[in-house]
Amino acid sequence: ERGHMHARAARLLMSTGAAPEDVAAHMLAAPPAREPSTIEPLRLAAARALAGGAPESAARFLRRALDEAPPREVLADVLVELGRAEAMAGERKAADRFEAALEVLAQPVARARVLLLLGRVLFGQGRLAEAATAFERGVVEARGRDTGLVAKLEAGCLGVAILEPAGYPAAERIVRLVGQASEKDGPAARPLAAAVALTQTLSGGRADDVRALAEHAWGDGALLAERGPDSPSVYLLAAALTALDDLELALTVLDDALAEARRRGSAIGIATASYFRAVVFYFLGRIPEALADMKQAARAESSGWELFLPSARAVLAFALLERGKVDDADLALELQEPERWHDSLVYVPYLEARARVRLAQRRPDEALDDALEAGRVLEEVYGGARPRIVQWRCTAALAAAALGDRERATKLCEDELRVARAEGCEREVGVALRAAGLVQDGEARIALLTEAVETLERSQSVLELMRALVDLGAALRSAARRQEAREPLRRALDLASARSAVALADRARDELLAAGARPRRTALGGVEA
């Protein structure tokens, strides 16, 4: 009886032109009446809820609209709107809604638009093979009918191909399409340009050339405004910028994406933006911020956010290592069904993180195995792809040196340095120089570490600069050049303390004391001083 009274209240409110959400609130408590006139207020209320950043409420209104058995001409729209809302809320059923809509739709371009949405949801859930199939089906439906839509679907195909071993060879085919696109700029071209930028980054393109393409794809925020914070294109672009060491622009992209995802209430957008921003914070040496963002991203795992799961665990472990928490970093790498990720690109950072944890645990043989496995995946599965944020040869060299194999360590460093210099990224070159210095002794070590510091001064990666400064100071102190050692060590201590990089700060302080300095305070500038 109460339900019928709610239904009467809803009808009375509709007759007086009340706000849709006021009508819908009563309809949620009323039994289905199978009246088509009741569907529109629910859809309007859902649209307003979605615009107000409440996708859970929008999904609730639209599920109630489905209970009214919408006629066929309306059913597909309700299903698509419900799929959008559930996707933003991080609900696993979103893909099923889009599949159901496809069963109703007959018009090819309409089907292609839904397949684009379906592909993005599957992509975010880590179901890459299914995502690739959805994007490819969409290309077939839209080809010859909507050029802009084809470009967006091709960008989705390329995004999958970058991460899915079976699809990676298709990346070269799709890259050629960017030169054939009739629309060189604008909403259709920007997602494809973002995907191409990351592909060229992985294939060893020159940093300056790829950076120009990435900036074009971003278009001063146009990509985010056009595609929204749930679009894979935004994060492919952020990954390219981070790999290229353009951390300032990457941070701008991700700050904007996270703000928009929060405004819309998009659980998946918040998780993805937080994860990618944690990577940027890590290289900037802002360790507490990196940890906070990783905790934010981890909350979405229960909602099906799985695409970057191994990489996310790796970033968490990296950050914990910088806090000096080796055991916690090891625990962070616990991964269910690790065999699911073997030979995938997102597993490579995981292997790198585990190798560094093993080095910190003084288990260099296991560290060497993990670093070489990361290299095998990149060389054999991805044809020598270069994530750039993972320089596996450097980690392998440190492990080989710890095992006493100086010749192998030197060869690994020489190979990494040659490739890094060809690509023109200061961070890559600096990291390679630092590793090369650490496997040498005496003046050779000091010379290489000095060059590493000079190179990393031109990089935006403060974390790598701090590491090189500590290593240089330690090398000078070991060579009995204690006075010279103090300046790089003081600077490293100041930088690391201000950023809560505890492990580096402790090591810099210990080296300073060994060099005869007596630092009265940890930080030399700022509030901490």
Foldseek 3Di string as FASTA:
>chain_A
DQQVVLQVVLVVCVVVVHQLLVSLVSLLSHQAPLDQVNLVSLCNNLVVCLLQQNLVSSLSSLVSSVNSVHPLVCQLVSLQSNLVSLQQLLAPCSLVSLVVSLVSDDQLQVNLVSLLVNLLSCLQLQVLVVSLVSLVSSLVSCPPPDLLSNLSSLLSLLVSLQWPLVNVVCNVVSLVVQVVRPDVADQSNLLNLLSNLLVCQQVQAALVVSVVSLCRSCVVPRNCVNPNLSRVSLVSSLLSCVLLLVLVVSLVSLVVSCVRSNSSNGLSSLLSSLQSNLSSCVLLLQLVSSLVSLVSNVVSVVSSRPNLPLLSLLSNLSSVVLLVNLVVNVVSNDDPPPVVCQLTLSNLSNLQSVLVSCVVVVNLVSSLVSLVSSVCSCCPSVVNTPSNVDLSLLSNLVSCLSVVNLVSSLVSLVVQCVSCVSNHRLLSNLSSLQSNLVSDADPSNLVSLVVSLVSCVPGSRVVSNLVSLLSNLLRCVVVVVLVVSLPSLLVSQQSNVVSSSNVSNVSSCVSNVSSVDDDPARHPDDPRD
